[in-house]
Amino acid sequence: MPLRHVNIHDVSRTTAEGVSVDIEVSPRSSVPGPDGFDEWRRRLIVRVKAPPSDGKANREAEDMFRDMTGSRSEITSGHTSRQKTVTVYGDPSAIMKALEGKI
């Protein structure tokens, strides 16, 4: 059976503040950036160079989403886990369009 194609709409949802995206952070990566989807956990895989200590990986993930969308981003759940939710604040349609172009 072929695998179903997963996209940003499968791992995100609009909120009153903007868009929440479920991610799985992979710290200490040599090449940072979005790296596909974990279909089983329904999360976007995000690789970061920073180690998972003192919130460094969280800050790098927040900065990555801010750079991709041009909007303020914040880890809103999963601060000590690899599985997190990042909220991107602003117009949901503009945020989704920006994310689709980067992922």
Protein backbone atom coordinates (compact mmCIF):
# COMPACT_ATOMS: atom_id res chain seq x y z
CA MET A 1 0.00 0.00 0.00
CA PRO A 2 1.57 3.38 -0.97
CA LEU A 3 2.27 5.98 1.69
CA ARG A 4 -0.07 8.93 1.80
CA HIS A 5 1.51 12.30 1.01
CA VAL A 6 1.64 14.48 4.11
CA ASN A 7 1.70 18.28 3.99
CA ILE A 8 1.69 21.26 6.34
CA HIS A 9 -2.12 21.20 6.62
CA ASP A 10 -1.91 17.72 8.16
CA VAL A 11 0.27 18.90 11.06
CA SER A 12 -1.15 22.35 11.74
CA ARG A 13 -4.36 24.08 12.77
CA THR A 14 -5.56 27.65 12.87
CA THR A 15 -6.13 29.27 16.25
CA ALA A 16 -7.39 32.64 17.42
CA GLU A 17 -3.75 33.82 17.55
CA GLY A 18 -2.53 32.37 14.23
CA VAL A 19 -1.36 28.86 13.38
CA SER A 20 -0.16 26.04 15.65
CA VAL A 21 2.20 23.51 14.08
CA ASP A 22 3.04 20.14 15.65
CA ILE A 23 6.77 19.49 15.27
CA GLU A 24 9.38 16.95 16.25
CA VAL A 25 12.72 18.58 16.95
CA SER A 26 15.95 16.79 16.13
CA PRO A 27 18.77 18.61 17.99
CA ARG A 28 22.50 18.68 17.17
CA SER A 29 21.91 18.33 13.45
CA SER A 30 24.63 19.31 11.00
CA VAL A 31 22.04 20.74 8.57
CA PRO A 32 19.20 22.71 10.21
CA GLY A 33 15.75 23.17 8.72
CA PRO A 34 12.48 21.38 8.02
CA ASP A 35 13.14 17.77 7.04
CA GLY A 36 9.88 16.09 6.08
CA PHE A 37 7.03 14.66 8.07
CA ASP A 38 6.62 11.93 10.64
CA GLU A 39 3.39 10.45 9.30
CA TRP A 40 2.78 8.25 12.36
CA ARG A 41 3.17 11.03 14.93
CA ARG A 42 1.64 13.58 12.53
CA ARG A 43 4.45 16.08 13.05
CA LEU A 44 6.79 18.16 10.93
CA ILE A 45 10.40 17.10 11.52
CA VAL A 46 12.59 20.11 12.30
CA ARG A 47 16.37 19.75 12.54
CA VAL A 48 18.30 22.27 14.65
CA LYS A 49 22.02 22.67 15.30
CA ALA A 50 21.57 23.61 18.96
CA PRO A 51 21.75 21.07 21.78
CA PRO A 52 18.61 20.32 23.80
CA SER A 53 19.87 22.14 26.89
CA ASP A 54 18.94 25.47 28.46
CA GLY A 55 16.16 25.98 25.88
CA LYS A 56 18.66 26.45 23.03
CA ALA A 57 16.93 24.01 20.66
CA ASN A 58 13.55 25.61 21.44
CA ARG A 59 14.87 29.10 20.67
CA GLU A 60 16.40 27.92 17.40
CA ALA A 61 13.10 26.28 16.37
CA GLU A 62 11.21 29.48 17.23
CA ASP A 63 13.70 31.54 15.21
CA MET A 64 13.38 29.14 12.28
CA PHE A 65 9.59 29.57 12.13
CA ARG A 66 9.95 33.34 12.51
CA ASP A 67 12.40 33.39 9.58
CA MET A 68 10.12 31.19 7.43
CA THR A 69 6.97 33.23 8.09
CA GLY A 70 8.09 36.71 9.11
CA SER A 71 5.88 36.40 12.21
CA ARG A 72 6.56 35.98 15.91
CA SER A 73 6.77 32.31 16.86
CA GLU A 74 6.75 30.57 20.22
CA ILE A 75 6.95 27.00 21.50
CA THR A 76 3.62 26.66 23.31
CA SER A 77 3.83 23.03 24.43
CA GLY A 78 6.42 20.31 24.81
CA HIS A 79 9.20 22.53 26.15
CA THR A 80 11.21 19.56 27.47
CA SER A 81 10.16 17.02 24.83
CA ARG A 82 11.22 16.46 21.22
CA GLN A 83 7.53 16.58 20.32
CA LYS A 84 6.42 20.20 20.52
CA THR A 85 3.84 22.65 19.28
CA VAL A 86 4.98 25.99 17.89
CA THR A 87 2.46 28.80 17.53
CA VAL A 88 3.05 31.35 14.79
CA TYR A 89 1.19 34.58 15.53
CA GLY A 90 -0.57 36.53 12.80
CA ASP A 91 -2.85 36.03 9.80
CA PRO A 92 -3.41 32.27 9.39
CA SER A 93 -3.71 32.35 5.59
CA ALA A 94 -0.47 34.33 5.18
CA ILE A 95 1.34 32.03 7.62
CA MET A 96 0.15 28.88 5.83
CA LYS A 97 1.16 30.30 2.46
CA ALA A 98 4.63 31.14 3.79
CA LEU A 99 5.06 27.69 5.33
CA GLU A 100 3.90 25.91 2.18
CA GLY A 101 6.58 27.74 0.23
CA LYS A 102 9.34 26.70 2.66
CA ILE A 103 8.45 23.09 3.39
